[in-house]
């Protein structure tokens, strides 16, 4: 589990079949990193398998390669955002981020204001329903709040404070660049319980549909 508060930047380098070297010797958490630890790399939860002088090595599955932008970062020397997993007792300054990417979105536009940077993105229909005004979203692992979005959630804006902009790879984005998107995990659970499209139940004793009749039967007739 992560918070979406980035603690350093790194660079990716191919390291054998389905393995990646994450070069990050200067990050603040380097001295405490151990084999088996989880690290969010551009929002993707990966496991440290080997520690080397200049960073650590992780393995990536075909599913991870297909659903994220990691493979694009291997040969471009673009920085990736890094965050170690939460420890018991750590402050939760962002929001709960699992490190499981939902879809890849596309950066559209950057506008500078007096107090922040406004970035706009588009996302596929599959996750648009989870983008809501003032809701949480992780972009390349960065915890952000949706400032505004269209009715469907396909197009949205976030405001990034100068500190976050200067210390993450959001500053490197160009229009058309792809980004890793993780929507709020609570919204996904609610969608499954309400049986929204694409979230069918697999249990042998499925939960009842939440309808007006269901609510009336269970004492919510005056809502």
Protein backbone atom coordinates (compact mmCIF):
# COMPACT_ATOMS: atom_id res chain seq x y z
CA UNK A 1 0.00 0.00 0.00
CA UNK A 2 1.19 3.50 -0.90
CA UNK A 3 0.09 7.09 -0.40
CA UNK A 4 0.95 8.66 -3.75
CA UNK A 5 3.55 10.97 -2.18
CA UNK A 6 6.66 10.59 -4.34
CA UNK A 7 9.98 10.28 -2.50
CA UNK A 8 12.42 10.26 -5.37
CA UNK A 9 13.08 9.79 -9.07
CA UNK A 10 14.81 6.96 -10.89
CA UNK A 11 15.60 5.68 -14.36
CA UNK A 12 14.89 2.31 -15.96
CA UNK A 13 17.33 0.06 -17.75
CA UNK A 14 16.66 -3.40 -19.26
CA UNK A 15 18.22 -6.18 -17.19
CA UNK A 16 17.68 -9.60 -18.71
CA UNK A 17 14.40 -11.18 -19.76
CA UNK A 18 11.42 -9.44 -18.10
CA UNK A 19 13.72 -7.77 -15.59
CA UNK A 20 14.38 -4.06 -15.07
CA UNK A 21 17.14 -2.24 -13.24
CA UNK A 22 15.74 0.79 -11.42
CA UNK A 23 18.63 3.22 -11.00
CA UNK A 24 17.96 5.29 -7.89
CA UNK A 25 21.00 5.42 -5.61
CA UNK A 26 20.28 9.02 -4.53
CA UNK A 27 16.70 8.59 -3.23
CA UNK A 28 16.04 9.24 0.50
CA UNK A 29 14.82 5.69 1.24
CA UNK A 30 17.82 3.97 -0.39
CA UNK A 31 19.59 3.12 2.90
CA UNK A 32 16.57 1.24 4.28
CA UNK A 33 15.62 -0.65 1.11
CA UNK A 34 15.71 -4.45 1.42
CA UNK A 35 15.10 -7.47 -0.80
CA UNK A 36 11.39 -8.25 -0.87
CA UNK A 37 10.30 -4.66 -0.32
CA UNK A 38 7.57 -3.16 -2.48
CA UNK A 39 8.28 0.03 -4.39
CA UNK A 40 5.86 1.94 -6.59
CA UNK A 41 7.63 2.72 -9.87
CA UNK A 42 5.59 5.31 -11.77
CA UNK A 43 2.66 4.01 -9.75
CA UNK A 44 3.30 0.32 -10.47
CA UNK A 45 3.84 -1.88 -7.40
CA UNK A 46 7.03 -3.91 -7.97
CA UNK A 47 9.10 -6.15 -5.69
CA UNK A 48 12.80 -5.61 -5.03
CA UNK A 49 14.53 -8.86 -6.04
CA UNK A 50 18.18 -7.77 -6.08
CA UNK A 51 20.03 -4.80 -4.64
CA UNK A 52 22.90 -3.39 -6.66
CA UNK A 53 25.25 -0.46 -6.18
CA UNK A 54 23.17 1.92 -8.26
CA UNK A 55 19.64 0.73 -7.53
CA UNK A 56 17.55 -2.44 -7.50
CA UNK A 57 16.28 -5.07 -9.92
CA UNK A 58 12.62 -6.05 -10.36
CA UNK A 59 10.73 -8.49 -12.55
CA UNK A 60 7.73 -7.44 -14.62
CA UNK A 61 5.03 -9.78 -15.90
CA UNK A 62 3.56 -9.56 -19.42
CA UNK A 63 0.37 -8.22 -17.83
CA UNK A 64 2.31 -5.37 -16.22
CA UNK A 65 4.07 -4.53 -19.48
CA UNK A 66 0.76 -4.54 -21.36
CA UNK A 67 -1.20 -2.39 -18.91
CA UNK A 68 1.41 0.24 -18.00
CA UNK A 69 3.93 2.63 -19.55
CA UNK A 70 7.02 0.96 -18.05
CA UNK A 71 8.20 -0.50 -21.34
CA UNK A 72 8.11 3.00 -22.88
CA UNK A 73 10.45 4.31 -20.18
CA UNK A 74 13.14 1.68 -20.81
CA UNK A 75 14.70 3.31 -23.84
CA UNK A 76 13.82 7.00 -23.47
CA UNK A 77 15.78 7.83 -20.32
CA UNK A 78 12.69 9.49 -18.88
CA UNK A 79 12.52 9.72 -15.10
CA UNK A 80 10.09 7.53 -13.16
CA UNK A 81 8.45 8.40 -9.84
CA UNK A 82 9.43 6.26 -6.84
CA UNK A 83 7.67 5.62 -3.54
CA UNK A 84 8.41 2.87 -0.98
CA UNK A 85 5.50 0.99 0.58
CA UNK A 86 3.89 2.32 3.74
CA UNK A 87 5.15 1.12 7.11
CA UNK A 88 2.90 0.71 10.13
CA UNK A 89 2.56 4.11 11.80
CA UNK A 90 3.47 6.15 8.72
CA UNK A 91 1.45 9.25 8.02
CA UNK A 92 -1.09 8.99 5.21
CA UNK A 93 -0.61 12.32 3.50
CA UNK A 94 -2.10 11.44 0.11
CA UNK A 95 -4.73 8.73 -0.37
CA UNK A 96 -4.68 4.93 -0.39
CA UNK A 97 -2.86 3.81 -3.55
CA UNK A 98 -2.49 0.09 -4.27
CA UNK A 99 0.05 0.24 -7.09
CA UNK A 100 -2.28 -1.69 -9.41
CA UNK A 101 -2.73 0.33 -12.59
CA UNK A 102 -6.24 0.42 -14.06
CA UNK A 103 -5.55 1.89 -17.49
CA UNK A 104 -3.17 4.11 -19.41
CA UNK A 105 -4.33 7.70 -19.88
CA UNK A 106 -3.07 10.49 -22.14
CA UNK A 107 -1.71 13.88 -21.10
CA UNK A 108 -3.40 16.69 -23.01
CA UNK A 109 -2.41 20.14 -21.82
CA UNK A 110 -0.46 22.13 -19.23
CA UNK A 111 -1.42 25.57 -17.94
CA UNK A 112 0.46 27.57 -15.30
CA UNK A 113 -1.50 29.63 -12.80
CA UNK A 114 -0.30 31.94 -10.01
CA UNK A 115 -0.34 29.15 -7.41
CA UNK A 116 -0.17 25.85 -9.29
CA UNK A 117 0.12 23.96 -12.54
CA UNK A 118 -3.11 22.70 -14.14
CA UNK A 119 -2.74 19.47 -16.10
CA UNK A 120 -5.49 17.87 -18.17
CA UNK A 121 -5.79 14.21 -19.13
CA UNK A 122 -8.08 11.83 -20.97
CA UNK A 123 -8.85 8.25 -19.89
CA UNK A 124 -10.64 5.30 -21.53
CA UNK A 125 -14.35 4.64 -20.99
CA UNK A 126 -13.49 1.62 -18.81
CA UNK A 127 -12.41 3.85 -15.90
CA UNK A 128 -14.08 7.18 -16.74
CA UNK A 129 -16.92 6.47 -14.28
CA UNK A 130 -14.43 6.56 -11.40
CA UNK A 131 -13.23 10.08 -12.23
CA UNK A 132 -15.37 12.50 -10.21
CA UNK A 133 -14.94 16.14 -9.10
CA UNK A 134 -12.86 16.32 -5.89
CA UNK A 135 -12.19 12.59 -6.11
CA UNK A 136 -8.75 11.01 -5.81
CA UNK A 137 -6.63 9.71 -8.67
CA UNK A 138 -3.01 8.57 -8.93
CA UNK A 139 -1.16 9.64 -12.08
CA UNK A 140 2.23 7.97 -12.51
CA UNK A 141 1.91 7.20 -8.82
CA UNK A 142 1.28 10.82 -7.76
CA UNK A 143 -1.73 11.33 -5.48
CA UNK A 144 -3.88 14.10 -6.96
CA UNK A 145 -7.38 15.52 -6.59
CA UNK A 146 -9.65 15.88 -9.60
CA UNK A 147 -10.28 19.61 -9.94
CA UNK A 148 -12.80 19.28 -12.76
CA UNK A 149 -14.03 16.72 -15.27
CA UNK A 150 -16.62 16.31 -17.99
CA UNK A 151 -19.92 14.52 -17.33
CA UNK A 152 -18.55 11.10 -18.30
CA UNK A 153 -15.15 11.47 -16.61
CA UNK A 154 -13.20 10.88 -19.84
CA UNK A 155 -11.53 14.28 -19.64
CA UNK A 156 -10.36 15.78 -16.36
CA UNK A 157 -8.03 18.35 -14.82
CA UNK A 158 -5.82 18.30 -11.75
CA UNK A 159 -4.00 21.14 -9.99
CA UNK A 160 -0.41 20.36 -9.01
CA UNK A 161 1.37 22.49 -6.40
CA UNK A 162 4.90 23.73 -7.26
CA UNK A 163 6.59 21.25 -4.88
CA UNK A 164 4.92 18.21 -6.46
CA UNK A 165 5.50 19.54 -9.96
CA UNK A 166 9.21 20.12 -9.34
CA UNK A 167 9.82 16.76 -7.62
CA UNK A 168 7.95 14.36 -9.92
CA UNK A 169 8.05 13.47 -13.60
CA UNK A 170 4.79 15.36 -14.21
CA UNK A 171 7.03 18.29 -15.22
CA UNK A 172 8.41 16.21 -18.11
CA UNK A 173 5.08 15.43 -19.75
CA UNK A 174 4.39 16.52 -23.31
CA UNK A 175 0.95 16.52 -24.98
CA UNK A 176 0.19 13.00 -26.18
CA UNK A 177 2.38 11.27 -23.57
CA UNK A 178 0.83 8.23 -21.91
CA UNK A 179 0.57 7.99 -18.11
CA UNK A 180 -0.34 5.27 -15.63
CA UNK A 181 -3.75 5.82 -14.05
CA UNK A 182 -5.02 4.27 -10.80
CA UNK A 183 -8.49 5.36 -9.73
CA UNK A 184 -9.76 5.40 -6.15
CA UNK A 185 -9.97 1.82 -4.84
CA UNK A 186 -13.09 2.64 -2.78
CA UNK A 187 -14.97 3.64 -5.92
CA UNK A 188 -14.15 0.33 -7.57
CA UNK A 189 -15.48 -1.67 -4.64
CA UNK A 190 -18.69 0.38 -4.59
CA UNK A 191 -19.09 -0.16 -8.35
CA UNK A 192 -18.78 -3.92 -7.89
CA UNK A 193 -21.35 -3.96 -5.08
CA UNK A 194 -23.75 -1.92 -7.19
CA UNK A 195 -23.03 -4.10 -10.22
CA UNK A 196 -22.12 -1.33 -12.61
CA UNK A 197 -21.23 -2.52 -16.14
CA UNK A 198 -17.96 -4.40 -16.20
CA UNK A 199 -18.13 -5.38 -12.52
CA UNK A 200 -20.22 -8.56 -12.41
CA UNK A 201 -20.14 -10.76 -9.32
CA UNK A 202 -18.40 -14.15 -9.39
CA UNK A 203 -19.76 -15.45 -6.10
CA UNK A 204 -22.19 -18.37 -5.94
CA UNK A 205 -24.53 -16.29 -3.73
CA UNK A 206 -24.53 -12.86 -5.38
CA UNK A 207 -25.51 -9.72 -3.51
CA UNK A 208 -28.97 -8.27 -4.30
CA UNK A 209 -29.22 -5.37 -6.71
CA UNK A 210 -29.54 -1.96 -5.02
CA UNK A 211 -32.87 -0.75 -6.41
CA UNK A 212 -35.60 1.60 -5.17
CA UNK A 213 -37.65 -1.43 -4.15
CA UNK A 214 -34.69 -2.91 -2.25
CA UNK A 215 -34.15 0.35 -0.33
CA UNK A 216 -37.87 0.66 0.51
CA UNK A 217 -38.00 -2.93 1.77
CA UNK A 218 -35.04 -2.30 4.07
CA UNK A 219 -36.34 0.86 5.68
CA UNK A 220 -35.16 3.59 3.34
CA UNK A 221 -38.53 4.46 1.87
CA UNK A 222 -38.35 8.15 2.86
CA UNK A 223 -35.11 8.91 1.00
